[in-house]
Amino acid sequence: MRTFIRQPSEIPVEISTRKILGGSGQSLKNISFGGLCCKTNKPIETGTMVDIRLPSLSSDSEARGRVSWCRRKNSNIEIGVQFLNNDTDSRLHMVEQVCDIERYRKQAKQKLLKQPH
């Protein structure tokens, strides 16, 4: 059973290690208070320490994490990352911002669908 509820999202994410710099093709799949899952174009070995940045969010939306798992799913590679920073407020703020963006996206999509063509 999961400890934290996951919030689905598809906003861009940058995951980087000392060996692999964040690049195109990375997008968030879901995020929770404890970590995140993202799609990436390169596998990252389990246990690798990574820096996480969500460029769509405020400049303080950066975190440190550890890759918990990495697997190929269809033509994508997905990785699970556990947050390591102990700053509870910054992790909560990051999750809240992602939720706000997704809520706005849904509202904008509904408004667009209701407009006459």
C-alpha atoms as a PDB file:
ATOM      1  CA  MET A   1       0.000   0.000   0.000  1.00  0.00           C
ATOM      2  CA  ARG A   2       1.312   3.449  -0.943  1.00  0.00           C
ATOM      3  CA  THR A   3       2.220   5.862   1.812  1.00  0.00           C
ATOM      4  CA  PHE A   4       1.463   8.959  -0.275  1.00  0.00           C
ATOM      5  CA  ILE A   5      -1.286   9.689  -2.804  1.00  0.00           C
ATOM      6  CA  ARG A   6       0.080  10.192  -6.318  1.00  0.00           C
ATOM      7  CA  GLN A   7      -1.108  13.136  -8.406  1.00  0.00           C
ATOM      8  CA  PRO A   8      -1.003  12.515 -12.174  1.00  0.00           C
ATOM      9  CA  SER A   9       0.744  15.092 -14.329  1.00  0.00           C
ATOM     10  CA  GLU A  10       2.495  15.458 -17.650  1.00  0.00           C
ATOM     11  CA  ILE A  11       4.467  18.666 -17.078  1.00  0.00           C
ATOM     12  CA  PRO A  12       8.124  18.744 -18.136  1.00  0.00           C
ATOM     13  CA  VAL A  13      10.704  17.568 -15.630  1.00  0.00           C
ATOM     14  CA  GLU A  14      14.486  17.701 -15.707  1.00  0.00           C
ATOM     15  CA  ILE A  15      16.306  14.805 -14.072  1.00  0.00           C
ATOM     16  CA  SER A  16      20.074  14.992 -14.043  1.00  0.00           C
ATOM     17  CA  THR A  17      22.975  13.105 -12.547  1.00  0.00           C
ATOM     18  CA  ARG A  18      26.642  13.946 -12.689  1.00  0.00           C
ATOM     19  CA  LYS A  19      26.892  11.700 -15.750  1.00  0.00           C
ATOM     20  CA  ILE A  20      23.566  12.439 -17.481  1.00  0.00           C
ATOM     21  CA  LEU A  21      22.250  15.955 -17.918  1.00  0.00           C
ATOM     22  CA  GLY A  22      18.531  16.541 -18.129  1.00  0.00           C
ATOM     23  CA  GLY A  23      17.346  16.793 -21.687  1.00  0.00           C
ATOM     24  CA  SER A  24      14.359  16.638 -23.928  1.00  0.00           C
ATOM     25  CA  GLY A  25      11.927  13.776 -23.689  1.00  0.00           C
ATOM     26  CA  GLN A  26      11.486  13.893 -19.928  1.00  0.00           C
ATOM     27  CA  SER A  27       8.000  14.390 -18.546  1.00  0.00           C
ATOM     28  CA  LEU A  28       6.395  13.862 -15.204  1.00  0.00           C
ATOM     29  CA  LYS A  29       3.959  10.959 -14.971  1.00  0.00           C
ATOM     30  CA  ASN A  30       2.909  11.444 -11.353  1.00  0.00           C
ATOM     31  CA  ILE A  31       4.160  13.038  -8.159  1.00  0.00           C
ATOM     32  CA  SER A  32       3.533  12.582  -4.451  1.00  0.00           C
ATOM     33  CA  PHE A  33       4.914  13.915  -1.209  1.00  0.00           C
ATOM     34  CA  GLY A  34       7.424  11.021  -1.189  1.00  0.00           C
ATOM     35  CA  GLY A  35       8.659  11.088  -4.785  1.00  0.00           C
ATOM     36  CA  LEU A  36       7.776  11.015  -8.458  1.00  0.00           C
ATOM     37  CA  CYS A  37       7.590   8.877 -11.555  1.00  0.00           C
ATOM     38  CA  CYS A  38       8.687  10.247 -14.897  1.00  0.00           C
ATOM     39  CA  LYS A  39       9.193   9.189 -18.483  1.00  0.00           C
ATOM     40  CA  THR A  40      12.704   9.647 -19.807  1.00  0.00           C
ATOM     41  CA  ASN A  41      14.695   8.856 -22.900  1.00  0.00           C
ATOM     42  CA  LYS A  42      17.671   7.302 -21.069  1.00  0.00           C
ATOM     43  CA  PRO A  43      17.706   4.631 -18.358  1.00  0.00           C
ATOM     44  CA  ILE A  44      19.180   5.611 -14.999  1.00  0.00           C
ATOM     45  CA  GLU A  45      20.583   2.928 -12.715  1.00  0.00           C
ATOM     46  CA  THR A  46      18.687   2.157  -9.504  1.00  0.00           C
ATOM     47  CA  GLY A  47      20.297   3.877  -6.515  1.00  0.00           C
ATOM     48  CA  THR A  48      21.654   6.801  -8.558  1.00  0.00           C
ATOM     49  CA  MET A  49      21.401  10.201  -6.888  1.00  0.00           C
ATOM     50  CA  VAL A  50      19.610  12.744  -9.103  1.00  0.00           C
ATOM     51  CA  ASP A  51      18.747  16.414  -9.131  1.00  0.00           C
ATOM     52  CA  ILE A  52      15.119  17.151  -9.997  1.00  0.00           C
ATOM     53  CA  ARG A  53      13.858  20.394 -11.470  1.00  0.00           C
ATOM     54  CA  LEU A  54      10.359  21.233 -12.662  1.00  0.00           C
ATOM     55  CA  PRO A  55      10.933  24.196 -15.016  1.00  0.00           C
ATOM     56  CA  SER A  56       7.202  25.029 -15.223  1.00  0.00           C
ATOM     57  CA  LEU A  57       7.144  25.801 -11.518  1.00  0.00           C
ATOM     58  CA  SER A  58       8.789  28.494  -9.426  1.00  0.00           C
ATOM     59  CA  SER A  59      12.573  28.648  -9.235  1.00  0.00           C
ATOM     60  CA  ASP A  60      12.595  26.972  -5.827  1.00  0.00           C
ATOM     61  CA  SER A  61      11.020  23.815  -7.264  1.00  0.00           C
ATOM     62  CA  GLU A  62      14.161  21.741  -7.139  1.00  0.00           C
ATOM     63  CA  ALA A  63      14.841  18.628  -5.121  1.00  0.00           C
ATOM     64  CA  ARG A  64      17.359  15.860  -4.632  1.00  0.00           C
ATOM     65  CA  GLY A  65      16.344  12.241  -5.034  1.00  0.00           C
ATOM     66  CA  ARG A  66      17.410   8.646  -5.479  1.00  0.00           C
ATOM     67  CA  VAL A  67      16.262   6.413  -8.336  1.00  0.00           C
ATOM     68  CA  SER A  68      14.159   3.650  -6.754  1.00  0.00           C
ATOM     69  CA  TRP A  69      13.438   1.766  -9.964  1.00  0.00           C
ATOM     70  CA  CYS A  70      13.849   2.003 -13.724  1.00  0.00           C
ATOM     71  CA  ARG A  71      11.891   0.021 -16.320  1.00  0.00           C
ATOM     72  CA  ARG A  72      11.034   0.038 -19.990  1.00  0.00           C
ATOM     73  CA  LYS A  73       7.327   0.466 -20.697  1.00  0.00           C
ATOM     74  CA  ASN A  74       6.454   0.137 -24.382  1.00  0.00           C
ATOM     75  CA  SER A  75       8.759   2.581 -26.172  1.00  0.00           C
ATOM     76  CA  ASN A  76       9.357   4.701 -23.046  1.00  0.00           C
ATOM     77  CA  ILE A  77      11.607   4.360 -20.053  1.00  0.00           C
ATOM     78  CA  GLU A  78      10.055   5.176 -16.693  1.00  0.00           C
ATOM     79  CA  ILE A  79      11.922   5.881 -13.490  1.00  0.00           C
ATOM     80  CA  GLY A  80      10.705   6.174  -9.922  1.00  0.00           C
ATOM     81  CA  VAL A  81      12.517   8.708  -7.750  1.00  0.00           C
ATOM     82  CA  GLN A  82      12.309   9.026  -3.972  1.00  0.00           C
ATOM     83  CA  PHE A  83      12.754  12.566  -2.632  1.00  0.00           C
ATOM     84  CA  LEU A  84      15.687  12.883  -0.251  1.00  0.00           C
ATOM     85  CA  ASN A  85      15.486  16.456   0.977  1.00  0.00           C
ATOM     86  CA  ASN A  86      14.097  16.755   4.472  1.00  0.00           C
ATOM     87  CA  ASP A  87      12.492  20.126   3.744  1.00  0.00           C
ATOM     88  CA  THR A  88       8.848  19.155   4.145  1.00  0.00           C
ATOM     89  CA  ASP A  89       7.585  22.593   3.129  1.00  0.00           C
ATOM     90  CA  SER A  90       9.423  22.634  -0.204  1.00  0.00           C
ATOM     91  CA  ARG A  91       8.217  19.127  -1.137  1.00  0.00           C
ATOM     92  CA  LEU A  92       4.642  20.034  -0.231  1.00  0.00           C
ATOM     93  CA  HIS A  93       4.904  23.298  -2.188  1.00  0.00           C
ATOM     94  CA  MET A  94       6.151  21.421  -5.278  1.00  0.00           C
ATOM     95  CA  VAL A  95       3.257  18.943  -5.154  1.00  0.00           C
ATOM     96  CA  GLU A  96       0.727  21.749  -4.595  1.00  0.00           C
ATOM     97  CA  GLN A  97       2.052  23.661  -7.609  1.00  0.00           C
ATOM     98  CA  VAL A  98       1.767  20.585  -9.835  1.00  0.00           C
ATOM     99  CA  CYS A  99      -1.811  20.049  -8.638  1.00  0.00           C
ATOM    100  CA  ASP A 100      -2.644  23.713  -9.367  1.00  0.00           C
ATOM    101  CA  ILE A 101      -1.250  23.429 -12.911  1.00  0.00           C
ATOM    102  CA  GLU A 102      -3.206  20.245 -13.606  1.00  0.00           C
ATOM    103  CA  ARG A 103      -6.416  21.772 -12.198  1.00  0.00           C
ATOM    104  CA  TYR A 104      -5.933  24.813 -14.455  1.00  0.00           C
ATOM    105  CA  ARG A 105      -5.273  22.578 -17.501  1.00  0.00           C
ATOM    106  CA  LYS A 106      -8.491  20.647 -16.897  1.00  0.00           C
ATOM    107  CA  GLN A 107     -10.533  23.835 -16.485  1.00  0.00           C
ATOM    108  CA  ALA A 108      -9.057  25.358 -19.655  1.00  0.00           C
ATOM    109  CA  LYS A 109      -9.738  22.162 -21.612  1.00  0.00           C
ATOM    110  CA  GLN A 110     -13.358  22.065 -20.407  1.00  0.00           C
ATOM    111  CA  LYS A 111     -13.870  25.716 -21.404  1.00  0.00           C
ATOM    112  CA  LEU A 112     -12.388  25.020 -24.842  1.00  0.00           C
ATOM    113  CA  LEU A 113     -14.669  22.017 -25.357  1.00  0.00           C
ATOM    114  CA  LYS A 114     -17.759  24.048 -24.404  1.00  0.00           C
ATOM    115  CA  GLN A 115     -17.042  26.791 -26.956  1.00  0.00           C
ATOM    116  CA  PRO A 116     -19.043  26.585 -30.194  1.00  0.00           C
ATOM    117  CA  HIS A 117     -16.951  25.611 -33.213  1.00  0.00           C
END
